[in-house]
């Protein structure tokens, strides 16, 4: 599997995770009155990586690249959801905040 396919897979897994676990959170954050505020969608790493362990492996090996994919997917998903909810003029300002990841090094 080449790198483009891997990052496409990571993007699909993360988009599905956002749809399943954070649909309401994204809409709520996008409708906040203060558009200049930087807001985070709190992503539980264990739940995400349970959906696809390969994503966790790549996150550990290439964190900057995977976080860039997560960020891009989150922005895309937020725009899709706000378009559906007629909130097209709301600012970006969302980023994924990954929590619950084990930091043990063996």
PDB file of N, CA and C in Angstrom:
ATOM      1  N   UNK A   1       0.846  -1.165   0.000  1.00  0.00           N
ATOM      2  CA  UNK A   1       0.000   0.000   0.000  1.00  0.00           C
ATOM      3  C   UNK A   1       0.898   1.236   0.000  1.00  0.00           C
ATOM      4  N   UNK A   2       0.675   2.151  -0.952  1.00  0.00           N
ATOM      5  CA  UNK A   2       1.527   3.335  -0.990  1.00  0.00           C
ATOM      6  C   UNK A   2       1.043   4.398  -0.004  1.00  0.00           C
ATOM      7  N   UNK A   3       1.852   5.413   0.169  1.00  0.00           N
ATOM      8  CA  UNK A   3       1.591   6.446   1.173  1.00  0.00           C
ATOM      9  C   UNK A   3       0.261   7.167   0.942  1.00  0.00           C
ATOM     10  N   UNK A   4      -0.086   7.466  -0.310  1.00  0.00           N
ATOM     11  CA  UNK A   4      -1.350   8.144  -0.600  1.00  0.00           C
ATOM     12  C   UNK A   4      -2.545   7.312  -0.156  1.00  0.00           C
ATOM     13  N   UNK A   5      -2.476   6.004  -0.410  1.00  0.00           N
ATOM     14  CA  UNK A   5      -3.569   5.124   0.006  1.00  0.00           C
ATOM     15  C   UNK A   5      -3.667   5.040   1.528  1.00  0.00           C
ATOM     16  N   UNK A   6      -2.538   5.037   2.182  1.00  0.00           N
ATOM     17  CA  UNK A   6      -2.523   4.967   3.649  1.00  0.00           C
ATOM     18  C   UNK A   6      -3.175   6.210   4.240  1.00  0.00           C
ATOM     19  N   UNK A   7      -2.787   7.384   3.750  1.00  0.00           N
ATOM     20  CA  UNK A   7      -3.353   8.610   4.294  1.00  0.00           C
ATOM     21  C   UNK A   7      -4.813   8.781   3.889  1.00  0.00           C
ATOM     22  N   UNK A   8      -5.214   8.242   2.757  1.00  0.00           N
ATOM     23  CA  UNK A   8      -6.633   8.235   2.376  1.00  0.00           C
ATOM     24  C   UNK A   8      -7.425   7.353   3.342  1.00  0.00           C
ATOM     25  N   UNK A   9      -6.864   6.201   3.692  1.00  0.00           N
ATOM     26  CA  UNK A   9      -7.504   5.310   4.658  1.00  0.00           C
ATOM     27  C   UNK A   9      -7.640   6.002   6.009  1.00  0.00           C
ATOM     28  N   UNK A  10      -6.579   6.646   6.463  1.00  0.00           N
ATOM     29  CA  UNK A  10      -6.601   7.364   7.739  1.00  0.00           C
ATOM     30  C   UNK A  10      -7.692   8.437   7.698  1.00  0.00           C
ATOM     31  N   UNK A  11      -7.781   9.144   6.598  1.00  0.00           N
ATOM     32  CA  UNK A  11      -8.806  10.176   6.453  1.00  0.00           C
ATOM     33  C   UNK A  11     -10.214   9.607   6.530  1.00  0.00           C
ATOM     34  N   UNK A  12     -10.459   8.482   5.870  1.00  0.00           N
ATOM     35  CA  UNK A  12     -11.792   7.853   5.898  1.00  0.00           C
ATOM     36  C   UNK A  12     -12.140   7.363   7.303  1.00  0.00           C
ATOM     37  N   UNK A  13     -11.174   6.747   7.965  1.00  0.00           N
ATOM     38  CA  UNK A  13     -11.412   6.251   9.327  1.00  0.00           C
ATOM     39  C   UNK A  13     -11.734   7.422  10.250  1.00  0.00           C
ATOM     40  N   UNK A  14     -10.973   8.509  10.147  1.00  0.00           N
ATOM     41  CA  UNK A  14     -11.200   9.657  11.020  1.00  0.00           C
ATOM     42  C   UNK A  14     -12.535  10.328  10.698  1.00  0.00           C
ATOM     43  N   UNK A  15     -12.879  10.418   9.433  1.00  0.00           N
ATOM     44  CA  UNK A  15     -14.170  11.017   9.065  1.00  0.00           C
ATOM     45  C   UNK A  15     -15.323  10.192   9.633  1.00  0.00           C
ATOM     46  N   UNK A  16     -15.234   8.876   9.530  1.00  0.00           N
ATOM     47  CA  UNK A  16     -16.269   8.014  10.107  1.00  0.00           C
ATOM     48  C   UNK A  16     -16.346   8.185  11.619  1.00  0.00           C
ATOM     49  N   UNK A  17     -15.181   8.281  12.266  1.00  0.00           N
ATOM     50  CA  UNK A  17     -15.132   8.498  13.715  1.00  0.00           C
ATOM     51  C   UNK A  17     -15.826   9.815  14.075  1.00  0.00           C
ATOM     52  N   UNK A  18     -15.505  10.884  13.345  1.00  0.00           N
ATOM     53  CA  UNK A  18     -16.125  12.182  13.622  1.00  0.00           C
ATOM     54  C   UNK A  18     -17.639  12.120  13.446  1.00  0.00           C
ATOM     55  N   UNK A  19     -18.087  11.461  12.393  1.00  0.00           N
ATOM     56  CA  UNK A  19     -19.515  11.347  12.131  1.00  0.00           C
ATOM     57  C   UNK A  19     -20.217  10.601  13.263  1.00  0.00           C
ATOM     58  N   UNK A  20     -19.605   9.523  13.706  1.00  0.00           N
ATOM     59  CA  UNK A  20     -20.213   8.693  14.739  1.00  0.00           C
ATOM     60  C   UNK A  20     -20.162   9.321  16.124  1.00  0.00           C
ATOM     61  N   UNK A  21     -19.041   9.970  16.461  1.00  0.00           N
ATOM     62  CA  UNK A  21     -18.826  10.417  17.833  1.00  0.00           C
ATOM     63  C   UNK A  21     -18.922  11.925  18.057  1.00  0.00           C
ATOM     64  N   UNK A  22     -18.795  12.739  17.009  1.00  0.00           N
ATOM     65  CA  UNK A  22     -18.660  14.184  17.239  1.00  0.00           C
ATOM     66  C   UNK A  22     -19.530  15.063  16.357  1.00  0.00           C
ATOM     67  N   UNK A  23     -20.544  14.500  15.724  1.00  0.00           N
ATOM     68  CA  UNK A  23     -21.434  15.269  14.859  1.00  0.00           C
ATOM     69  C   UNK A  23     -21.995  16.486  15.601  1.00  0.00           C
ATOM     70  N   UNK A  24     -22.593  16.246  16.746  1.00  0.00           N
ATOM     71  CA  UNK A  24     -23.179  17.325  17.532  1.00  0.00           C
ATOM     72  C   UNK A  24     -22.151  18.306  18.067  1.00  0.00           C
ATOM     73  N   UNK A  25     -20.996  17.793  18.473  1.00  0.00           N
ATOM     74  CA  UNK A  25     -19.935  18.668  18.986  1.00  0.00           C
ATOM     75  C   UNK A  25     -19.481  19.661  17.928  1.00  0.00           C
ATOM     76  N   UNK A  26     -19.304  19.174  16.711  1.00  0.00           N
ATOM     77  CA  UNK A  26     -18.832  20.036  15.624  1.00  0.00           C
ATOM     78  C   UNK A  26     -19.863  21.120  15.334  1.00  0.00           C
ATOM     79  N   UNK A  27     -21.130  20.745  15.249  1.00  0.00           N
ATOM     80  CA  UNK A  27     -22.176  21.739  15.007  1.00  0.00           C
ATOM     81  C   UNK A  27     -22.231  22.766  16.131  1.00  0.00           C
ATOM     82  N   UNK A  28     -22.138  22.308  17.362  1.00  0.00           N
ATOM     83  CA  UNK A  28     -22.177  23.227  18.500  1.00  0.00           C
ATOM     84  C   UNK A  28     -21.001  24.197  18.468  1.00  0.00           C
ATOM     85  N   UNK A  29     -19.826  23.684  18.230  1.00  0.00           N
ATOM     86  CA  UNK A  29     -18.646  24.544  18.195  1.00  0.00           C
ATOM     87  C   UNK A  29     -18.712  25.546  17.049  1.00  0.00           C
ATOM     88  N   UNK A  30     -19.269  25.124  15.919  1.00  0.00           N
ATOM     89  CA  UNK A  30     -19.370  26.015  14.763  1.00  0.00           C
ATOM     90  C   UNK A  30     -20.439  27.085  14.935  1.00  0.00           C
ATOM     91  N   UNK A  31     -21.405  26.879  15.819  1.00  0.00           N
ATOM     92  CA  UNK A  31     -22.459  27.868  16.013  1.00  0.00           C
ATOM     93  C   UNK A  31     -22.165  28.819  17.162  1.00  0.00           C
ATOM     94  N   UNK A  32     -21.035  28.636  17.841  1.00  0.00           N
ATOM     95  CA  UNK A  32     -20.662  29.561  18.913  1.00  0.00           C
ATOM     96  C   UNK A  32     -20.615  30.984  18.377  1.00  0.00           C
ATOM     97  N   UNK A  33     -21.016  31.930  19.228  1.00  0.00           N
ATOM     98  CA  UNK A  33     -21.128  33.325  18.821  1.00  0.00           C
ATOM     99  C   UNK A  33     -19.778  33.920  18.438  1.00  0.00           C
ATOM    100  N   UNK A  34     -18.742  33.667  19.212  1.00  0.00           N
ATOM    101  CA  UNK A  34     -17.433  34.265  18.970  1.00  0.00           C
ATOM    102  C   UNK A  34     -16.685  33.483  17.895  1.00  0.00           C
ATOM    103  N   UNK A  35     -16.682  33.990  16.678  1.00  0.00           N
ATOM    104  CA  UNK A  35     -16.075  33.288  15.558  1.00  0.00           C
ATOM    105  C   UNK A  35     -14.552  33.301  15.588  1.00  0.00           C
ATOM    106  N   UNK A  36     -13.955  34.191  16.357  1.00  0.00           N
ATOM    107  CA  UNK A  36     -12.497  34.298  16.389  1.00  0.00           C
ATOM    108  C   UNK A  36     -11.865  33.322  17.373  1.00  0.00           C
ATOM    109  N   UNK A  37     -12.662  32.632  18.137  1.00  0.00           N
ATOM    110  CA  UNK A  37     -12.156  31.701  19.137  1.00  0.00           C
ATOM    111  C   UNK A  37     -11.651  30.427  18.479  1.00  0.00           C
ATOM    112  N   UNK A  38     -10.514  29.970  18.941  1.00  0.00           N
ATOM    113  CA  UNK A  38      -9.956  28.690  18.483  1.00  0.00           C
ATOM    114  C   UNK A  38     -10.579  27.599  19.338  1.00  0.00           C
ATOM    115  N   UNK A  39     -11.219  26.620  18.706  1.00  0.00           N
ATOM    116  CA  UNK A  39     -11.941  25.579  19.438  1.00  0.00           C
ATOM    117  C   UNK A  39     -11.410  24.208  19.055  1.00  0.00           C
ATOM    118  N   UNK A  40     -11.470  23.287  20.020  1.00  0.00           N
ATOM    119  CA  UNK A  40     -10.970  21.933  19.793  1.00  0.00           C
ATOM    120  C   UNK A  40     -12.105  20.916  19.877  1.00  0.00           C
ATOM    121  N   UNK A  41     -12.019  19.925  19.017  1.00  0.00           N
ATOM    122  CA  UNK A  41     -12.870  18.747  19.117  1.00  0.00           C
ATOM    123  C   UNK A  41     -12.018  17.701  19.826  1.00  0.00           C
ATOM    124  N   UNK A  42     -12.452  17.287  21.011  1.00  0.00           N
ATOM    125  CA  UNK A  42     -11.669  16.365  21.824  1.00  0.00           C
ATOM    126  C   UNK A  42     -11.880  14.946  21.316  1.00  0.00           C
ATOM    127  N   UNK A  43     -10.809  14.350  20.823  1.00  0.00           N
ATOM    128  CA  UNK A  43     -10.828  13.022  20.224  1.00  0.00           C
ATOM    129  C   UNK A  43     -10.166  12.041  21.182  1.00  0.00           C
ATOM    130  N   UNK A  44     -10.895  11.011  21.562  1.00  0.00           N
ATOM    131  CA  UNK A  44     -10.339   9.984  22.426  1.00  0.00           C
ATOM    132  C   UNK A  44      -9.537   9.009  21.559  1.00  0.00           C
ATOM    133  N   UNK A  45      -8.237   9.009  21.732  1.00  0.00           N
ATOM    134  CA  UNK A  45      -7.355   8.188  20.897  1.00  0.00           C
ATOM    135  C   UNK A  45      -7.690   6.705  20.998  1.00  0.00           C
ATOM    136  N   UNK A  46      -7.999   6.245  22.187  1.00  0.00           N
ATOM    137  CA  UNK A  46      -8.271   4.814  22.351  1.00  0.00           C
ATOM    138  C   UNK A  46      -9.502   4.393  21.546  1.00  0.00           C
ATOM    139  N   UNK A  47     -10.543   5.204  21.570  1.00  0.00           N
ATOM    140  CA  UNK A  47     -11.756   4.901  20.812  1.00  0.00           C
ATOM    141  C   UNK A  47     -11.476   4.944  19.315  1.00  0.00           C
ATOM    142  N   UNK A  48     -10.742   5.958  18.886  1.00  0.00           N
ATOM    143  CA  UNK A  48     -10.395   6.087  17.470  1.00  0.00           C
ATOM    144  C   UNK A  48      -9.544   4.914  17.005  1.00  0.00           C
ATOM    145  N   UNK A  49      -8.520   4.573  17.769  1.00  0.00           N
ATOM    146  CA  UNK A  49      -7.600   3.522  17.355  1.00  0.00           C
ATOM    147  C   UNK A  49      -8.231   2.132  17.454  1.00  0.00           C
ATOM    148  N   UNK A  50      -9.251   1.988  18.304  1.00  0.00           N
ATOM    149  CA  UNK A  50      -9.986   0.720  18.339  1.00  0.00           C
ATOM    150  C   UNK A  50     -10.734   0.492  17.031  1.00  0.00           C
ATOM    151  N   UNK A  51     -11.165   1.581  16.407  1.00  0.00           N
ATOM    152  CA  UNK A  51     -11.873   1.475  15.128  1.00  0.00           C
ATOM    153  C   UNK A  51     -10.942   0.949  14.042  1.00  0.00           C
ATOM    154  N   UNK A  52      -9.667   1.309  14.126  1.00  0.00           N
ATOM    155  CA  UNK A  52      -8.691   0.848  13.142  1.00  0.00           C
ATOM    156  C   UNK A  52      -7.304   0.974  13.764  1.00  0.00           C
ATOM    157  N   UNK A  53      -6.739  -0.142  14.158  1.00  0.00           N
ATOM    158  CA  UNK A  53      -5.438  -0.134  14.825  1.00  0.00           C
ATOM    159  C   UNK A  53      -4.324   0.396  13.926  1.00  0.00           C
ATOM    160  N   UNK A  54      -4.484   0.238  12.638  1.00  0.00           N
ATOM    161  CA  UNK A  54      -3.479   0.728  11.694  1.00  0.00           C
ATOM    162  C   UNK A  54      -3.323   2.248  11.802  1.00  0.00           C
ATOM    163  N   UNK A  55      -4.439   2.955  12.055  1.00  0.00           N
ATOM    164  CA  UNK A  55      -4.366   4.404  12.242  1.00  0.00           C
ATOM    165  C   UNK A  55      -3.485   4.721  13.450  1.00  0.00           C
ATOM    166  N   UNK A  56      -3.659   3.969  14.527  1.00  0.00           N
ATOM    167  CA  UNK A  56      -2.821   4.160  15.712  1.00  0.00           C
ATOM    168  C   UNK A  56      -1.353   3.910  15.432  1.00  0.00           C
ATOM    169  N   UNK A  57      -1.071   2.878  14.646  1.00  0.00           N
ATOM    170  CA  UNK A  57       0.323   2.584  14.287  1.00  0.00           C
ATOM    171  C   UNK A  57       0.939   3.741  13.505  1.00  0.00           C
ATOM    172  N   UNK A  58       0.204   4.256  12.536  1.00  0.00           N
ATOM    173  CA  UNK A  58       0.726   5.371  11.742  1.00  0.00           C
ATOM    174  C   UNK A  58       0.814   6.646  12.561  1.00  0.00           C
ATOM    175  N   UNK A  59      -0.134   6.844  13.484  1.00  0.00           N
ATOM    176  CA  UNK A  59      -0.075   8.013  14.358  1.00  0.00           C
ATOM    177  C   UNK A  59       1.208   7.991  15.187  1.00  0.00           C
ATOM    178  N   UNK A  60       1.553   6.815  15.706  1.00  0.00           N
ATOM    179  CA  UNK A  60       2.784   6.696  16.498  1.00  0.00           C
ATOM    180  C   UNK A  60       4.031   6.896  15.647  1.00  0.00           C
ATOM    181  N   UNK A  61       4.009   6.413  14.417  1.00  0.00           N
ATOM    182  CA  UNK A  61       5.182   6.502  13.545  1.00  0.00           C
ATOM    183  C   UNK A  61       5.330   7.874  12.878  1.00  0.00           C
ATOM    184  N   UNK A  62       4.200   8.483  12.492  1.00  0.00           N
ATOM    185  CA  UNK A  62       4.222   9.743  11.730  1.00  0.00           C
ATOM    186  C   UNK A  62       3.207  10.734  12.301  1.00  0.00           C
ATOM    187  N   UNK A  63       3.395  11.160  13.542  1.00  0.00           N
ATOM    188  CA  UNK A  63       2.367  11.992  14.187  1.00  0.00           C
ATOM    189  C   UNK A  63       2.056  13.298  13.452  1.00  0.00           C
ATOM    190  N   UNK A  64       3.062  13.989  12.944  1.00  0.00           N
ATOM    191  CA  UNK A  64       2.806  15.257  12.246  1.00  0.00           C
ATOM    192  C   UNK A  64       1.963  15.045  10.998  1.00  0.00           C
ATOM    193  N   UNK A  65       2.280  14.006  10.240  1.00  0.00           N
ATOM    194  CA  UNK A  65       1.541  13.732   9.007  1.00  0.00           C
ATOM    195  C   UNK A  65       0.101  13.323   9.307  1.00  0.00           C
ATOM    196  N   UNK A  66      -0.074  12.475  10.305  1.00  0.00           N
ATOM    197  CA  UNK A  66      -1.419  12.006  10.646  1.00  0.00           C
ATOM    198  C   UNK A  66      -2.244  13.155  11.232  1.00  0.00           C
ATOM    199  N   UNK A  67      -1.655  13.989  12.072  1.00  0.00           N
ATOM    200  CA  UNK A  67      -2.380  15.145  12.609  1.00  0.00           C
ATOM    201  C   UNK A  67      -2.792  16.102  11.496  1.00  0.00           C
ATOM    202  N   UNK A  68      -1.960  16.244  10.477  1.00  0.00           N
ATOM    203  CA  UNK A  68      -2.325  17.090   9.332  1.00  0.00           C
ATOM    204  C   UNK A  68      -3.543  16.512   8.609  1.00  0.00           C
ATOM    205  N   UNK A  69      -3.586  15.192   8.466  1.00  0.00           N
ATOM    206  CA  UNK A  69      -4.757  14.541   7.857  1.00  0.00           C
ATOM    207  C   UNK A  69      -5.979  14.761   8.741  1.00  0.00           C
ATOM    208  N   UNK A  70      -5.840  14.568  10.046  1.00  0.00           N
ATOM    209  CA  UNK A  70      -6.954  14.765  10.973  1.00  0.00           C
ATOM    210  C   UNK A  70      -7.489  16.190  10.858  1.00  0.00           C
ATOM    211  N   UNK A  71      -6.592  17.163  10.825  1.00  0.00           N
ATOM    212  CA  UNK A  71      -6.992  18.557  10.745  1.00  0.00           C
ATOM    213  C   UNK A  71      -7.762  18.829   9.453  1.00  0.00           C
ATOM    214  N   UNK A  72      -7.247  18.341   8.349  1.00  0.00           N
ATOM    215  CA  UNK A  72      -7.892  18.541   7.054  1.00  0.00           C
ATOM    216  C   UNK A  72      -9.287  17.906   7.028  1.00  0.00           C
ATOM    217  N   UNK A  73      -9.393  16.701   7.547  1.00  0.00           N
ATOM    218  CA  UNK A  73     -10.679  15.992   7.576  1.00  0.00           C
ATOM    219  C   UNK A  73     -11.670  16.709   8.492  1.00  0.00           C
ATOM    220  N   UNK A  74     -11.202  17.189   9.641  1.00  0.00           N
ATOM    221  CA  UNK A  74     -12.083  17.906  10.556  1.00  0.00           C
ATOM    222  C   UNK A  74     -12.632  19.172   9.904  1.00  0.00           C
ATOM    223  N   UNK A  75     -11.778  19.935   9.233  1.00  0.00           N
ATOM    224  CA  UNK A  75     -12.236  21.157   8.558  1.00  0.00           C
ATOM    225  C   UNK A  75     -13.270  20.816   7.481  1.00  0.00           C
ATOM    226  N   UNK A  76     -13.008  19.763   6.710  1.00  0.00           N
ATOM    227  CA  UNK A  76     -13.928  19.329   5.653  1.00  0.00           C
ATOM    228  C   UNK A  76     -15.267  18.912   6.249  1.00  0.00           C
ATOM    229  N   UNK A  77     -15.222  18.119   7.308  1.00  0.00           N
ATOM    230  CA  UNK A  77     -16.445  17.639   7.949  1.00  0.00           C
ATOM    231  C   UNK A  77     -17.225  18.801   8.548  1.00  0.00           C
ATOM    232  N   UNK A  78     -16.542  19.742   9.163  1.00  0.00           N
ATOM    233  CA  UNK A  78     -17.213  20.905   9.737  1.00  0.00           C
ATOM    234  C   UNK A  78     -17.919  21.718   8.658  1.00  0.00           C
ATOM    235  N   UNK A  79     -17.254  21.907   7.524  1.00  0.00           N
ATOM    236  CA  UNK A  79     -17.885  22.638   6.425  1.00  0.00           C
ATOM    237  C   UNK A  79     -19.105  21.893   5.896  1.00  0.00           C
ATOM    238  N   UNK A  80     -19.005  20.576   5.750  1.00  0.00           N
ATOM    239  CA  UNK A  80     -20.139  19.778   5.282  1.00  0.00           C
ATOM    240  C   UNK A  80     -21.324  19.910   6.241  1.00  0.00           C
ATOM    241  N   UNK A  81     -21.067  19.768   7.523  1.00  0.00           N
ATOM    242  CA  UNK A  81     -22.147  19.820   8.507  1.00  0.00           C
ATOM    243  C   UNK A  81     -22.775  21.205   8.581  1.00  0.00           C
ATOM    244  N   UNK A  82     -21.962  22.244   8.504  1.00  0.00           N
ATOM    245  CA  UNK A  82     -22.517  23.590   8.592  1.00  0.00           C
ATOM    246  C   UNK A  82     -23.226  23.978   7.305  1.00  0.00           C
ATOM    247  N   UNK A  83     -22.794  23.448   6.175  1.00  0.00           N
ATOM    248  CA  UNK A  83     -23.538  23.661   4.929  1.00  0.00           C
ATOM    249  C   UNK A  83     -24.918  23.042   5.042  1.00  0.00           C
ATOM    250  N   UNK A  84     -24.989  21.830   5.602  1.00  0.00           N
ATOM    251  CA  UNK A  84     -26.268  21.146   5.794  1.00  0.00           C
ATOM    252  C   UNK A  84     -27.155  21.914   6.759  1.00  0.00           C
ATOM    253  N   UNK A  85     -26.562  22.584   7.738  1.00  0.00           N
ATOM    254  CA  UNK A  85     -27.323  23.313   8.746  1.00  0.00           C
ATOM    255  C   UNK A  85     -27.453  24.795   8.402  1.00  0.00           C
ATOM    256  N   UNK A  86     -27.086  25.188   7.187  1.00  0.00           N
ATOM    257  CA  UNK A  86     -27.173  26.582   6.727  1.00  0.00           C
ATOM    258  C   UNK A  86     -26.369  27.535   7.610  1.00  0.00           C
ATOM    259  N   UNK A  87     -25.180  27.121   7.989  1.00  0.00           N
ATOM    260  CA  UNK A  87     -24.286  27.958   8.795  1.00  0.00           C
ATOM    261  C   UNK A  87     -23.010  28.253   8.022  1.00  0.00           C
ATOM    262  N   UNK A  88     -23.147  28.531   6.759  1.00  0.00           N
ATOM    263  CA  UNK A  88     -21.994  28.642   5.866  1.00  0.00           C
ATOM    264  C   UNK A  88     -21.006  29.738   6.246  1.00  0.00           C
ATOM    265  N   UNK A  89     -21.458  30.783   6.924  1.00  0.00           N
ATOM    266  CA  UNK A  89     -20.590  31.921   7.193  1.00  0.00           C
ATOM    267  C   UNK A  89     -19.799  31.818   8.484  1.00  0.00           C
ATOM    268  N   UNK A  90     -19.906  30.723   9.198  1.00  0.00           N
ATOM    269  CA  UNK A  90     -19.170  30.584  10.455  1.00  0.00           C
ATOM    270  C   UNK A  90     -17.688  30.364  10.172  1.00  0.00           C
ATOM    271  N   UNK A  91     -16.839  30.855  11.069  1.00  0.00           N
ATOM    272  CA  UNK A  91     -15.395  30.744  10.884  1.00  0.00           C
ATOM    273  C   UNK A  91     -14.884  29.337  11.059  1.00  0.00           C
ATOM    274  N   UNK A  92     -13.657  29.099  10.639  1.00  0.00           N
ATOM    275  CA  UNK A  92     -13.032  27.778  10.774  1.00  0.00           C
ATOM    276  C   UNK A  92     -12.723  27.546  12.245  1.00  0.00           C
ATOM    277  N   UNK A  93     -11.498  27.692  12.652  1.00  0.00           N
ATOM    278  CA  UNK A  93     -11.115  27.667  14.051  1.00  0.00           C
ATOM    279  C   UNK A  93     -11.235  26.351  14.792  1.00  0.00           C
ATOM    280  N   UNK A  94     -11.483  25.229  14.120  1.00  0.00           N
ATOM    281  CA  UNK A  94     -11.568  23.946  14.809  1.00  0.00           C
ATOM    282  C   UNK A  94     -10.286  23.155  14.601  1.00  0.00           C
ATOM    283  N   UNK A  95      -9.881  22.437  15.643  1.00  0.00           N
ATOM    284  CA  UNK A  95      -8.740  21.537  15.505  1.00  0.00           C
ATOM    285  C   UNK A  95      -8.989  20.302  16.354  1.00  0.00           C
ATOM    286  N   UNK A  96      -8.430  19.164  15.953  1.00  0.00           N
ATOM    287  CA  UNK A  96      -8.585  17.966  16.770  1.00  0.00           C
ATOM    288  C   UNK A  96      -7.624  17.997  17.950  1.00  0.00           C
ATOM    289  N   UNK A  97      -8.122  17.659  19.126  1.00  0.00           N
ATOM    290  CA  UNK A  97      -7.282  17.531  20.314  1.00  0.00           C
ATOM    291  C   UNK A  97      -7.303  16.054  20.703  1.00  0.00           C
ATOM    292  N   UNK A  98      -6.193  15.377  20.524  1.00  0.00           N
ATOM    293  CA  UNK A  98      -6.114  13.938  20.776  1.00  0.00           C
ATOM    294  C   UNK A  98      -5.804  13.709  22.253  1.00  0.00           C
ATOM    295  N   UNK A  99      -6.684  12.951  22.929  1.00  0.00           N
ATOM    296  CA  UNK A  99      -6.465  12.651  24.349  1.00  0.00           C
ATOM    297  C   UNK A  99      -6.475  11.140  24.559  1.00  0.00           C
ATOM    298  N   UNK A 100      -5.960  10.699  25.693  1.00  0.00           N
ATOM    299  CA  UNK A 100      -6.042   9.297  26.079  1.00  0.00           C
ATOM    300  C   UNK A 100      -5.036   8.394  25.410  1.00  0.00           C
ATOM    301  N   UNK A 101      -4.044   8.962  24.767  1.00  0.00           N
ATOM    302  CA  UNK A 101      -3.019   8.154  24.108  1.00  0.00           C
ATOM    303  C   UNK A 101      -1.951   7.800  25.121  1.00  0.00           C
ATOM    304  N   UNK A 102      -1.602   6.554  25.165  1.00  0.00           N
ATOM    305  CA  UNK A 102      -0.538   6.118  26.046  1.00  0.00           C
ATOM    306  C   UNK A 102       0.785   6.677  25.564  1.00  0.00           C
ATOM    307  N   UNK A 103       1.584   7.167  26.489  1.00  0.00           N
ATOM    308  CA  UNK A 103       2.888   7.732  26.121  1.00  0.00           C
ATOM    309  C   UNK A 103       4.048   6.863  26.589  1.00  0.00           C
ATOM    310  N   UNK A 104       3.772   5.631  26.906  1.00  0.00           N
ATOM    311  CA  UNK A 104       4.832   4.717  27.361  1.00  0.00           C
ATOM    312  C   UNK A 104       5.795   4.418  26.228  1.00  0.00           C
ATOM    313  N   UNK A 105       7.030   4.353  26.547  1.00  0.00           N
ATOM    314  CA  UNK A 105       8.052   3.994  25.559  1.00  0.00           C
ATOM    315  C   UNK A 105       8.776   2.769  26.094  1.00  0.00           C
ATOM    316  N   UNK A 106       8.736   1.713  25.336  1.00  0.00           N
ATOM    317  CA  UNK A 106       9.391   0.482  25.784  1.00  0.00           C
ATOM    318  C   UNK A 106      10.764   0.365  25.198  1.00  0.00           C
TER     319      UNK A 106
END
